[in-house]
């Protein structure tokens, strides 16, 4: 599964799945561009962790992906840091807001669509030309099990993640003849900061403790009774960048503990 000598841009890589993916790819010899909008202290802590096992070079660009001008600036800085282009793009960054559709602020809808769907489009559009020239590229979109099955109070999240699966298929079709693959991962509950507000909301609503709410939300919803660990998603990202997966493109892979087969 060699990615040594490759370059990777991973959005949302100062925490959760993105951080695990950045650490794994960097440890395998990939030069990684870490991005995030977290506080400088949090970003530095994440960078130290990623660099602690890195073989490849690790760079950092702060970027608030809700702002399209910052996304375009991220593209410009990626070009400066890696003039020969990005080999691996992991569209991992995602945001969430939980509310019934009739109470969902339009601002939140716009933010979620921008981060979860428009940014992956912009970044894919930007990196594909260099991938075509090299005859090799890997794009991995981190979607969600909620692109396959719906849930209450998540209209913009479900819409954006379903759209990301559609974008995956479209990009796969447009790039398949050039040695580029584009695939999506659809994880269910994963132990990341993204789910913390939902846990608290569930705890408050049901008068449970945080730990009880986690168990009720995470383990009781899946046949395996397990929550994903970010490192497992990172391992699948590495696999999709490996020679073993070079004939896989346009796929959407559930990592859901059997949730969607119930």
Protein backbone atom coordinates (compact mmCIF):
# COMPACT_ATOMS: atom_id res chain seq x y z
CA UNK A 1 0.00 0.00 0.00
CA UNK A 2 2.80 2.42 -0.83
CA UNK A 3 1.97 6.13 -0.87
CA UNK A 4 5.60 7.08 -0.27
CA UNK A 5 6.59 10.09 -2.30
CA UNK A 6 2.99 11.11 -3.00
CA UNK A 7 1.41 14.39 -1.93
CA UNK A 8 -1.93 14.59 -0.14
CA UNK A 9 -4.36 17.35 0.73
CA UNK A 10 -6.72 16.33 3.53
CA UNK A 11 -9.43 18.75 4.63
CA UNK A 12 -10.56 18.84 8.23
CA UNK A 13 -7.37 17.13 9.29
CA UNK A 14 -6.75 18.73 12.68
CA UNK A 15 -9.20 16.36 14.37
CA UNK A 16 -11.18 13.16 13.97
CA UNK A 17 -11.05 11.11 10.78
CA UNK A 18 -8.95 13.66 8.90
CA UNK A 19 -6.30 13.78 11.60
CA UNK A 20 -6.07 9.98 11.68
CA UNK A 21 -5.78 9.88 7.89
CA UNK A 22 -3.11 12.58 7.85
CA UNK A 23 -1.09 10.78 10.52
CA UNK A 24 -1.34 7.43 8.72
CA UNK A 25 -0.45 8.74 5.27
CA UNK A 26 2.43 10.85 6.62
CA UNK A 27 3.76 7.80 8.49
CA UNK A 28 3.74 5.90 5.20
CA UNK A 29 5.94 8.51 3.52
CA UNK A 30 3.31 10.76 1.99
CA UNK A 31 3.82 14.53 2.14
CA UNK A 32 0.61 15.88 3.67
CA UNK A 33 -1.06 19.28 3.63
CA UNK A 34 -3.11 19.51 6.82
CA UNK A 35 -6.02 21.95 6.88
CA UNK A 36 -8.50 23.08 9.49
CA UNK A 37 -10.22 26.05 11.07
CA UNK A 38 -9.53 25.17 14.70
CA UNK A 39 -7.74 27.46 17.15
CA UNK A 40 -3.97 27.89 16.67
CA UNK A 41 -3.28 25.92 19.86
CA UNK A 42 -5.47 23.01 18.74
CA UNK A 43 -3.89 23.06 15.29
CA UNK A 44 -0.37 23.01 16.72
CA UNK A 45 -1.25 20.09 18.99
CA UNK A 46 -2.62 18.17 16.01
CA UNK A 47 0.46 18.97 13.92
CA UNK A 48 2.80 17.73 16.65
CA UNK A 49 0.85 14.49 16.82
CA UNK A 50 0.89 13.98 13.05
CA UNK A 51 4.58 14.89 12.80
CA UNK A 52 5.53 12.54 15.66
CA UNK A 53 5.41 9.53 13.33
CA UNK A 54 5.74 11.28 9.98
CA UNK A 55 8.18 10.13 7.32
CA UNK A 56 6.82 12.54 4.73
CA UNK A 57 6.75 16.32 5.05
CA UNK A 58 3.77 17.83 6.90
CA UNK A 59 2.51 21.34 6.10
CA UNK A 60 -0.42 23.28 7.55
CA UNK A 61 -2.81 25.85 6.10
CA UNK A 62 -5.60 27.31 8.19
CA UNK A 63 -8.80 27.59 6.18
CA UNK A 64 -12.44 28.20 7.03
CA UNK A 65 -14.17 26.21 4.31
CA UNK A 66 -17.46 28.04 4.87
CA UNK A 67 -15.83 30.93 2.99
CA UNK A 68 -15.32 30.22 -0.72
CA UNK A 69 -12.54 32.82 -0.92
CA UNK A 70 -10.59 30.88 1.71
CA UNK A 71 -11.13 27.65 -0.25
CA UNK A 72 -9.65 29.32 -3.33
CA UNK A 73 -6.76 30.61 -1.21
CA UNK A 74 -6.19 27.06 0.01
CA UNK A 75 -5.88 25.98 -3.63
CA UNK A 76 -3.32 28.73 -4.24
CA UNK A 77 -1.25 27.79 -1.20
CA UNK A 78 -1.39 24.11 -2.13
CA UNK A 79 0.07 25.04 -5.52
CA UNK A 80 2.87 26.97 -3.82
CA UNK A 81 3.72 24.18 -1.40
CA UNK A 82 3.42 21.38 -3.98
CA UNK A 83 4.12 22.87 -7.44
CA UNK A 84 3.87 19.47 -9.12
CA UNK A 85 0.32 19.07 -7.88
CA UNK A 86 -1.65 17.04 -5.36
CA UNK A 87 -1.69 13.26 -5.87
CA UNK A 88 -4.26 12.38 -3.20
CA UNK A 89 -7.24 14.51 -2.22
CA UNK A 90 -9.28 13.52 0.82
CA UNK A 91 -12.44 15.60 1.10
CA UNK A 92 -13.06 14.89 4.76
CA UNK A 93 -14.15 18.18 6.34
CA UNK A 94 -17.74 18.21 7.46
CA UNK A 95 -19.99 20.28 9.66
CA UNK A 96 -23.37 19.55 11.21
CA UNK A 97 -26.41 21.36 12.56
CA UNK A 98 -29.35 19.52 14.07
CA UNK A 99 -32.87 20.97 13.83
CA UNK A 100 -36.22 20.12 12.25
CA UNK A 101 -36.51 21.28 8.65
CA UNK A 102 -39.01 24.03 9.58
CA UNK A 103 -36.60 25.40 12.17
CA UNK A 104 -33.39 25.06 10.15
CA UNK A 105 -31.80 28.49 9.56
CA UNK A 106 -31.00 29.19 5.91
CA UNK A 107 -27.53 30.29 7.02
CA UNK A 108 -26.86 26.80 8.40
CA UNK A 109 -28.12 25.20 5.19
CA UNK A 110 -25.75 27.36 3.15
CA UNK A 111 -22.80 26.65 5.45
CA UNK A 112 -23.32 22.88 5.32
CA UNK A 113 -23.72 22.79 1.54
CA UNK A 114 -20.60 24.95 1.15
CA UNK A 115 -18.36 22.87 3.44
CA UNK A 116 -19.73 19.39 2.76
CA UNK A 117 -20.38 19.61 -0.99
CA UNK A 118 -19.20 22.79 -2.74
CA UNK A 119 -15.69 22.67 -1.25
CA UNK A 120 -15.13 19.06 -2.44
CA UNK A 121 -16.23 20.16 -5.92
CA UNK A 122 -13.86 23.15 -5.95
CA UNK A 123 -10.90 21.12 -4.68
CA UNK A 124 -11.57 18.21 -7.04
CA UNK A 125 -11.80 20.59 -9.98
CA UNK A 126 -8.51 22.15 -8.91
CA UNK A 127 -6.43 18.98 -8.43
CA UNK A 128 -7.65 16.91 -11.39
CA UNK A 129 -5.59 18.66 -14.14
CA UNK A 130 -2.26 17.77 -12.47
CA UNK A 131 -3.51 14.24 -11.79
CA UNK A 132 -4.39 13.87 -15.47
CA UNK A 133 -0.90 15.00 -16.49
CA UNK A 134 0.67 12.41 -14.18
CA UNK A 135 -1.76 9.68 -15.18
CA UNK A 136 -2.42 8.95 -11.50
CA UNK A 137 -4.61 10.38 -8.79
CA UNK A 138 -6.80 9.40 -5.88
CA UNK A 139 -9.83 11.28 -4.58
CA UNK A 140 -11.57 9.98 -1.47
CA UNK A 141 -14.75 11.70 -0.30
CA UNK A 142 -15.85 11.10 3.26
CA UNK A 143 -19.63 11.04 2.98
CA UNK A 144 -21.90 9.40 5.56
CA UNK A 145 -24.22 6.48 6.11
CA UNK A 146 -26.89 9.19 6.05
CA UNK A 147 -26.37 9.43 2.31
CA UNK A 148 -27.93 5.95 2.27
CA UNK A 149 -30.52 6.21 5.05
CA UNK A 150 -32.19 9.28 6.49
CA UNK A 151 -32.41 10.52 10.07
CA UNK A 152 -34.41 13.12 11.93
CA UNK A 153 -33.47 16.81 12.00
CA UNK A 154 -30.60 16.69 9.52
CA UNK A 155 -31.96 18.02 6.21
CA UNK A 156 -28.85 19.96 5.10
CA UNK A 157 -26.41 17.30 6.32
CA UNK A 158 -28.24 14.47 4.55
CA UNK A 159 -28.66 16.57 1.40
CA UNK A 160 -24.98 17.53 1.30
CA UNK A 161 -23.69 14.02 1.98
CA UNK A 162 -26.06 12.51 -0.60
CA UNK A 163 -24.83 15.12 -3.06
CA UNK A 164 -21.25 14.15 -2.25
CA UNK A 165 -22.00 10.56 -3.31
CA UNK A 166 -23.37 11.94 -6.58
CA UNK A 167 -20.26 14.09 -7.04
CA UNK A 168 -18.12 11.01 -6.42
CA UNK A 169 -19.82 9.15 -9.26
CA UNK A 170 -19.61 12.11 -11.62
CA UNK A 171 -15.91 12.74 -10.97
CA UNK A 172 -15.20 9.02 -11.29
CA UNK A 173 -16.80 8.97 -14.75
CA UNK A 174 -14.95 12.09 -15.88
CA UNK A 175 -11.53 10.86 -14.73
CA UNK A 176 -11.55 7.07 -15.08
CA UNK A 177 -9.63 7.08 -18.37
CA UNK A 178 -6.75 9.06 -16.83
CA UNK A 179 -5.58 6.74 -14.05
CA UNK A 180 -7.61 8.61 -11.45
CA UNK A 181 -10.04 7.01 -9.03
CA UNK A 182 -12.73 8.71 -6.98
CA UNK A 183 -14.55 6.85 -4.22
CA UNK A 184 -16.69 7.68 -1.22
CA UNK A 185 -16.75 6.29 2.28
CA UNK A 186 -20.07 6.27 4.15
CA UNK A 187 -19.32 5.78 7.84
CA UNK A 188 -21.97 5.55 10.52
CA UNK A 189 -21.33 6.87 14.02
CA UNK A 190 -17.63 7.59 14.45
CA UNK A 191 -16.00 8.77 17.66
CA UNK A 192 -15.11 12.32 16.58
CA UNK A 193 -15.76 15.88 17.83
CA UNK A 194 -18.47 16.25 15.15
CA UNK A 195 -20.86 14.01 17.08
CA UNK A 196 -20.33 15.60 20.52
CA UNK A 197 -23.18 18.15 20.18
CA UNK A 198 -25.57 15.38 19.10
CA UNK A 199 -24.59 13.30 22.12
CA UNK A 200 -25.27 16.23 24.45
CA UNK A 201 -28.60 16.94 22.77
CA UNK A 202 -29.62 13.29 23.14
CA UNK A 203 -28.47 13.24 26.76
CA UNK A 204 -30.48 16.36 27.60
CA UNK A 205 -33.55 15.09 25.76
CA UNK A 206 -33.56 11.67 27.44
CA UNK A 207 -32.18 12.64 30.87
CA UNK A 208 -29.22 10.33 30.29
CA UNK A 209 -25.61 10.86 31.22
CA UNK A 210 -23.19 11.57 28.37
CA UNK A 211 -21.87 8.01 28.53
CA UNK A 212 -25.39 6.56 28.54
CA UNK A 213 -26.33 8.76 25.59
CA UNK A 214 -23.25 7.60 23.68
CA UNK A 215 -24.17 3.99 24.25
CA UNK A 216 -27.78 4.57 23.27
CA UNK A 217 -26.88 6.49 20.11
CA UNK A 218 -23.81 4.60 18.97
CA UNK A 219 -23.88 0.99 20.02
CA UNK A 220 -27.61 0.28 20.13
CA UNK A 221 -28.08 1.53 16.56
CA UNK A 222 -25.72 -0.99 14.95
CA UNK A 223 -25.86 -4.80 14.80
CA UNK A 224 -22.17 -5.02 15.69
CA UNK A 225 -22.78 -2.83 18.76
CA UNK A 226 -19.62 -0.92 17.90
CA UNK A 227 -18.78 2.66 17.02
CA UNK A 228 -16.21 3.37 14.31
CA UNK A 229 -12.78 4.49 15.39
CA UNK A 230 -11.28 7.22 13.18
CA UNK A 231 -8.24 5.01 12.58
CA UNK A 232 -10.47 2.46 10.84
CA UNK A 233 -11.71 5.06 8.38
CA UNK A 234 -8.11 6.19 7.85
CA UNK A 235 -7.13 2.60 7.06
CA UNK A 236 -9.79 2.41 4.36
CA UNK A 237 -8.58 5.71 2.90
CA UNK A 238 -5.06 4.25 2.70
CA UNK A 239 -6.44 1.14 0.99
CA UNK A 240 -8.27 3.23 -1.63
CA UNK A 241 -4.95 4.92 -2.43
CA UNK A 242 -3.17 1.58 -2.86
CA UNK A 243 -2.54 -0.49 -6.01
CA UNK A 244 -5.05 -3.06 -4.72
CA UNK A 245 -7.81 -0.50 -5.27
CA UNK A 246 -6.72 0.89 -8.64
CA UNK A 247 -9.75 -0.64 -10.40
CA UNK A 248 -12.23 0.69 -7.84
CA UNK A 249 -13.86 3.97 -8.80
CA UNK A 250 -17.25 5.56 -8.31
CA UNK A 251 -18.03 3.34 -5.33
CA UNK A 252 -19.71 4.32 -2.05
CA UNK A 253 -18.58 2.07 0.77
CA UNK A 254 -20.65 1.85 3.97
CA UNK A 255 -18.70 1.49 7.22
CA UNK A 256 -21.72 1.22 9.43
CA UNK A 257 -21.59 -1.89 11.60
CA UNK A 258 -24.43 -3.38 9.59
CA UNK A 259 -26.78 -0.45 10.19
CA UNK A 260 -28.05 -0.32 6.60
CA UNK A 261 -28.83 -4.04 6.34
CA UNK A 262 -31.28 -4.10 9.24
